Protein backbone atom coordinates (compact mmCIF):
# COMPACT_ATOMS: atom_id res chain seq x y z
CA MET A 1 8.52 11.72 -8.06
CA SER A 2 10.18 10.17 -5.37
CA LEU A 3 8.92 6.43 -4.20
CA MET A 4 7.20 8.00 -1.13
CA LYS A 5 4.99 9.75 -3.72
CA THR A 6 4.93 6.48 -5.83
CA LEU A 7 3.90 4.35 -2.49
CA SER A 8 1.15 7.41 -1.45
CA LYS A 9 -0.80 6.67 -5.50
CA VAL A 10 0.27 3.03 -5.57
CA ALA A 11 -1.75 3.13 -2.07
CA ILE A 12 -4.77 5.13 -2.85
CA GLY A 13 -4.58 3.24 -6.35
CA MET A 14 -4.97 -0.18 -4.15
CA ALA A 15 -7.83 1.24 -2.59
CA GLU A 16 -9.81 2.44 -5.59
CA LEU A 17 -9.52 -1.17 -6.15
CA LYS A 18 -10.85 -1.99 -3.53
CA GLN A 19 -14.05 0.03 -4.14
CA ALA A 20 -14.57 -0.60 -7.75
CA GLN A 21 -14.59 -4.37 -6.22
CA HIS A 22 -16.84 -3.67 -3.39
CA ALA A 23 -19.79 -2.09 -5.44
CA GLN A 24 -19.15 -4.79 -8.04
CA GLY A 25 -20.31 -7.01 -5.64
CA ALA A 26 -23.02 -4.93 -4.40
CA TRP A 27 -24.33 -4.66 -7.68
CA SER A 28 -23.94 -8.74 -8.13
CA GLU A 29 -25.98 -8.79 -5.08
CA LEU A 30 -28.49 -6.86 -5.97
CA ALA A 31 -29.20 -8.25 -9.67
CA GLU A 32 -30.53 -11.55 -7.82
CA ALA A 33 -32.32 -9.51 -5.96
CA PRO A 34 -36.57 -10.49 -6.81
CA THR A 35 -37.78 -9.23 -10.34
CA GLY A 36 -38.11 -5.99 -10.52
CA PHE A 37 -35.64 -5.00 -7.78
CA ALA A 38 -32.59 -4.93 -10.33
CA GLU A 39 -34.32 -2.87 -13.23
CA ALA A 40 -35.65 -0.14 -10.77
CA THR A 41 -31.84 0.54 -9.33
CA ALA A 42 -30.45 0.31 -12.93
CA PRO A 43 -30.74 4.18 -13.59
CA PHE A 44 -28.12 4.38 -10.67
CA GLN A 45 -25.49 2.21 -12.03
CA GLY A 46 -22.85 3.76 -14.23
CA ALA A 47 -20.59 6.53 -14.73
CA GLY A 48 -22.64 9.15 -13.00
CA ASN A 49 -22.67 7.22 -8.86
CA PRO A 50 -20.28 7.67 -7.36
CA LEU A 51 -19.02 4.39 -6.81
CA PHE A 52 -18.31 4.20 -10.24
CA GLY A 53 -15.32 5.93 -12.24
CA MET A 54 -15.02 9.52 -10.40
CA GLY A 55 -12.08 8.94 -9.06
CA PRO A 56 -10.61 9.42 -5.68
CA ALA A 57 -12.75 10.70 -3.07
CA PRO A 58 -12.29 12.36 0.26
CA GLY A 59 -10.87 9.89 2.66
CA VAL A 60 -10.79 6.88 -0.14
CA LEU A 61 -7.97 6.05 1.97
CA GLY A 62 -9.78 4.77 4.55
CA SER A 63 -10.53 1.98 2.54
CA LEU A 64 -7.19 0.67 3.11
CA LEU A 65 -7.78 1.18 6.95
CA GLY A 66 -10.68 -0.74 7.08
CA GLY A 67 -12.84 2.23 7.40
CA LYS A 68 -10.85 4.31 10.13
CA THR A 69 -10.96 7.21 10.33
CA VAL A 70 -7.38 8.38 10.12
CA PRO A 71 -6.79 12.65 10.95
CA GLY A 72 -5.17 14.12 7.66
CA SER A 73 -3.85 11.14 5.26
CA GLY A 74 -2.72 9.38 8.63
CA LEU A 75 -0.65 6.40 7.23
CA GLY A 76 2.39 7.69 7.99
CA ASP A 77 1.80 8.28 11.44
CA LEU A 78 -0.08 4.68 11.24
CA LEU A 79 2.95 2.96 10.27
CA GLU A 80 4.89 4.52 13.10
CA SER A 81 2.62 4.33 15.93
CA LEU A 82 2.87 0.14 15.39
CA ASP A 83 5.68 -0.19 17.76
CA ASP A 84 7.83 1.60 20.54
CA SER A 85 10.48 1.66 18.44
CA ASN A 86 11.23 4.93 16.19
CA ILE A 87 11.11 4.17 12.73
CA GLN A 88 13.78 6.57 11.39
CA GLU A 89 15.97 4.86 13.88
CA LYS A 90 15.67 1.17 12.13
CA LEU A 91 16.33 2.77 9.02
CA SER A 92 19.65 4.07 9.31
CA GLY A 93 21.67 2.32 6.15
CA LEU A 94 19.41 0.87 4.60
CA ALA A 95 20.05 1.97 1.01
CA ASP A 96 23.63 0.73 1.74
CA LYS A 97 21.89 -2.93 2.97
CA SER A 98 19.07 -3.25 0.96
CA GLY A 99 21.03 -5.09 -2.42
CA ALA A 100 19.39 -3.28 -4.76
CA SER A 101 20.17 -3.68 -8.61
CA GLY A 102 18.60 -2.40 -11.56
CA VAL A 103 16.26 0.55 -11.42
CA LEU A 104 15.58 0.52 -7.25
CA ALA A 105 19.83 0.56 -7.66
CA SER A 106 19.44 3.72 -9.53
CA LEU A 107 16.57 5.47 -7.98
CA LEU A 108 18.65 5.69 -4.88
CA GLY A 109 21.72 6.05 -6.55
CA MET A 110 19.96 9.72 -7.53
CA VAL A 111 18.46 10.47 -4.03
CA GLN A 112 21.89 9.43 -2.57
CA ARG A 113 23.68 11.94 -5.16
CA ARG A 114 21.16 14.67 -4.20
CA SER A 115 21.33 14.95 -0.64
CA THR A 116 23.76 13.34 2.28
CA LYS A 117 22.54 15.02 4.79
CA THR A 118 20.73 13.62 7.79
CA PRO A 119 16.97 14.32 7.17
CA ASP A 120 15.29 16.55 9.30
CA ASN A 121 11.17 14.63 8.72
CA SER A 122 10.60 11.78 10.18
CA PHE A 123 9.21 8.59 7.79
CA GLY A 124 6.04 9.34 8.75
CA ARG A 125 6.20 13.33 8.32
CA VAL A 126 7.72 12.50 4.89
CA LEU A 127 5.10 9.80 3.89
CA ASN A 128 2.28 12.12 5.60
CA SER A 129 3.03 14.42 3.04
CA ALA A 130 3.29 12.64 0.07
CA PHE A 131 -0.09 11.89 0.56
CA ASP A 132 -0.72 15.56 0.48
CA THR A 133 -2.82 17.33 -2.16
CA ALA A 134 -2.51 20.73 -1.36
CA ASP A 135 -0.32 23.61 -2.94
CA GLU A 136 2.63 22.18 -0.66
CA PRO A 137 5.57 20.17 -2.01
CA GLU A 138 6.11 17.24 -1.14
CA ILE A 139 8.90 16.73 1.31
CA ALA A 140 12.41 15.54 0.38
CA PRO A 141 13.33 11.68 1.23
CA SER A 142 16.21 10.28 1.88
CA ALA A 143 18.18 7.38 0.18
CA ASP A 144 16.83 5.35 3.14
CA GLN A 145 13.83 6.55 3.79
CA GLU A 146 13.31 5.71 0.12
CA ALA A 147 14.63 2.27 0.38
CA ALA A 148 11.82 1.67 2.81
CA ALA A 149 8.75 3.29 0.24
CA ALA A 150 10.54 0.59 -2.27
CA LEU A 151 10.27 -2.11 0.56
CA LEU A 152 6.70 -1.19 1.31
CA LEU A 153 5.56 -0.58 -2.32
CA ARG A 154 6.68 -4.57 -2.80
CA ALA A 155 4.92 -5.81 0.10
CA MET A 156 1.76 -3.92 -0.42
CA ILE A 157 2.03 -5.87 -4.56
CA ASN A 158 3.11 -8.84 -3.54
CA ALA A 159 0.19 -8.45 -1.34
CA ALA A 160 -2.61 -8.18 -3.66
CA GLN A 161 -1.44 -10.15 -5.94
CA SER A 162 -1.78 -13.36 -3.32
CA ASP A 163 -5.10 -14.50 -3.68
CA GLY A 164 -4.35 -14.12 -7.28
CA ASP A 165 -7.52 -12.08 -8.28
CA LEU A 166 -5.24 -8.62 -9.19
CA ASP A 167 -6.37 -9.31 -13.20
CA ASP A 168 -4.49 -7.78 -16.45
CA ARG A 169 -7.15 -5.16 -16.42
CA GLU A 170 -6.74 -4.17 -12.67
CA ARG A 171 -3.20 -4.06 -13.28
CA ASP A 172 -3.62 -1.50 -15.92
CA LYS A 173 -6.01 0.20 -13.76
CA LEU A 174 -3.72 0.43 -10.93
CA MET A 175 -0.74 1.35 -13.52
CA GLY A 176 -3.21 4.12 -15.07
CA HIS A 177 -3.53 5.91 -12.06
CA LEU A 178 -0.16 6.57 -11.27
CA GLY A 179 -0.49 9.53 -13.79
CA GLY A 180 1.63 11.06 -16.45
CA ASP A 181 3.96 12.60 -13.46
CA LEU A 182 5.48 9.68 -12.48
CA GLY A 183 9.23 9.39 -12.99
CA ALA A 184 10.18 6.62 -16.12
CA GLU A 185 12.21 4.82 -13.16
CA GLU A 186 9.19 4.72 -11.01
CA ALA A 187 7.11 3.60 -13.37
CA ALA A 188 9.21 0.82 -14.12
CA PHE A 189 9.48 -0.12 -10.93
CA VAL A 190 6.55 -0.48 -10.13
CA GLN A 191 5.27 -2.00 -13.60
CA ALA A 192 8.18 -4.65 -12.58
CA GLU A 193 6.75 -5.49 -9.29
CA ILE A 194 2.78 -5.90 -10.00
CA LEU A 195 4.01 -8.04 -13.34
CA SER A 196 6.25 -10.48 -11.33
CA PRO A 197 4.91 -13.31 -9.11
CA VAL A 198 4.71 -13.06 -5.46
CA ASP A 199 7.72 -13.23 -4.19
CA LEU A 200 7.64 -13.87 -0.33
CA ASP A 201 11.09 -14.89 0.27
CA THR A 202 12.92 -12.01 -1.65
CA LEU A 203 10.26 -9.53 0.79
CA VAL A 204 11.82 -11.38 4.14
CA ALA A 205 15.37 -11.48 3.20
CA GLN A 206 14.76 -8.26 2.38
CA THR A 207 13.20 -6.91 5.52
CA PRO A 208 15.11 -5.47 8.22
CA PRO A 209 13.79 -7.77 11.76
CA LYS A 210 13.42 -3.92 13.31
CA LEU A 211 11.05 -3.09 10.35
CA ALA A 212 8.86 -6.18 10.35
CA PRO A 213 5.54 -4.82 11.68
CA GLN A 214 5.52 -2.23 9.02
CA VAL A 215 6.09 -4.20 6.34
CA TYR A 216 3.42 -6.66 7.43
CA ALA A 217 0.71 -4.41 8.26
CA ILE A 218 1.46 -2.46 4.61
CA SER A 219 0.70 -6.13 2.95
CA VAL A 220 -2.48 -6.05 5.02
CA LEU A 221 -3.45 -2.71 3.34
CA GLY A 222 -2.51 -4.54 0.21
CA ILE A 223 -5.60 -7.06 0.65
CA ASP A 224 -9.42 -7.36 2.24
CA LEU A 225 -8.78 -10.45 4.43
CA ASP A 226 -12.01 -11.97 3.11
CA ASN A 227 -11.02 -15.47 1.97
CA ARG A 228 -8.41 -18.35 3.34
CA SER A 229 -5.76 -18.03 0.69
CA GLU A 230 -5.22 -14.15 1.65
CA ALA A 231 -5.16 -15.57 5.48
CA GLU A 232 -3.01 -18.21 4.71
CA TYR A 233 -0.58 -15.55 3.13
CA LEU A 234 -0.45 -13.29 6.10
CA ASP A 235 0.38 -15.99 8.94
CA THR A 236 3.25 -17.32 6.46
CA LEU A 237 4.74 -13.81 6.30
CA ALA A 238 3.68 -12.96 10.23
CA GLN A 239 5.45 -16.78 11.57
CA ARG A 240 8.80 -15.46 8.58
CA PHE A 241 9.25 -12.37 10.34
CA GLY A 242 8.88 -14.52 14.04
CA MET A 243 6.21 -11.92 14.69
CA SER A 244 3.78 -13.27 18.20
CA ALA A 245 0.20 -13.69 17.85
CA ASP A 246 -0.54 -10.66 20.12
CA LEU A 247 1.90 -8.46 17.83
CA VAL A 248 0.14 -9.22 14.35
CA ASN A 249 -3.76 -8.88 16.37
CA HIS A 250 -2.35 -5.76 17.79
CA ILE A 251 -1.62 -4.72 14.20
CA HIS A 252 -5.12 -5.56 12.77
CA GLN A 253 -7.20 -3.32 15.33
CA LYS A 254 -4.73 -0.91 15.15
CA LEU A 255 -5.65 -0.85 11.20
CA GLY A 256 -9.59 -1.53 12.31
CA VAL A 257 -9.52 -5.13 10.54
CA GLN A 258 -10.71 -7.94 12.01
CA PRO A 259 -7.89 -9.83 14.10
CA LEU A 260 -6.00 -13.38 12.19
CA TYR A 261 -5.78 -15.54 15.50
CA GLN A 262 -8.26 -16.33 17.52
C-alpha cells in the first residue's frame, strides 16, 4: 500500500472519530433533557443506530470538510484549488529534500526503486484515486508524491492531537481503521506519528514554503476548530508559515469551515 492510500485511510478514520464525538455529544445533551426524553430515545442508541459503529457511510469525508459537498472524494481536487500554482511542480525533488530517515526513508526508497519515470498523473488525481472504493486499481504515486503524503499525514495527526483530546482508545480505533491491507512499514510510520507528541517545529521545517497552503488545509481537516487551543494551534501554524490572514480565511472558506480571523 502507498502512503497516498494510507493518507486516505487516516482521513476517513479521522472523519469517523469526528462523527463519533459529535454523536456522543448529541446523546449527552439528550440525557440532560427533561425527564422521560432520554428513556424514550434509549431504544435508538447503540449499534443499530447509523451514528454508532456502522463504519464509513457514503460521503463520510464530508465531515472532514465541514459538511461541504464535494464531487467524488474531492480532497485531491480541493488541495489543488487552494492557490493558482501547480502542486506537482511544488513537489519536484521533495523526496530527496525531505531529510527522511528510518521507516519513511525506506518507504521512499522503495518507491524510487520501483519507478524513476516522471509521473503522468497530478497529485490531486493520485490522491483521489487512493480514495476510490471501486474496482479500479490505485494510481501508483511517485516518490515525491509519497513524500508529500507523508508530510500531510504528519500535519493531520499533529493537528488532531493539538488539543490533547485524542486518547488511547481513539488512537487504537484509528489504527484499527487502517485495516489488514496496510503494509508493515506504512503502519509503523502512522503508529509512530500517533504516539509522538505534537512537533510543530519539525513540521514547519519539513514543509516547503510553496506547500504551506496544502499543509495548513490538511491541518484544519484534522480538527473540529471548536475550542481555543485548536484555534491557537492553527494561528501559530499560519504565523510560522508566514501566511496572511486573507489567505488563511480563503482556505477556511474553501473548506467550508468558520474563518480563523475576523
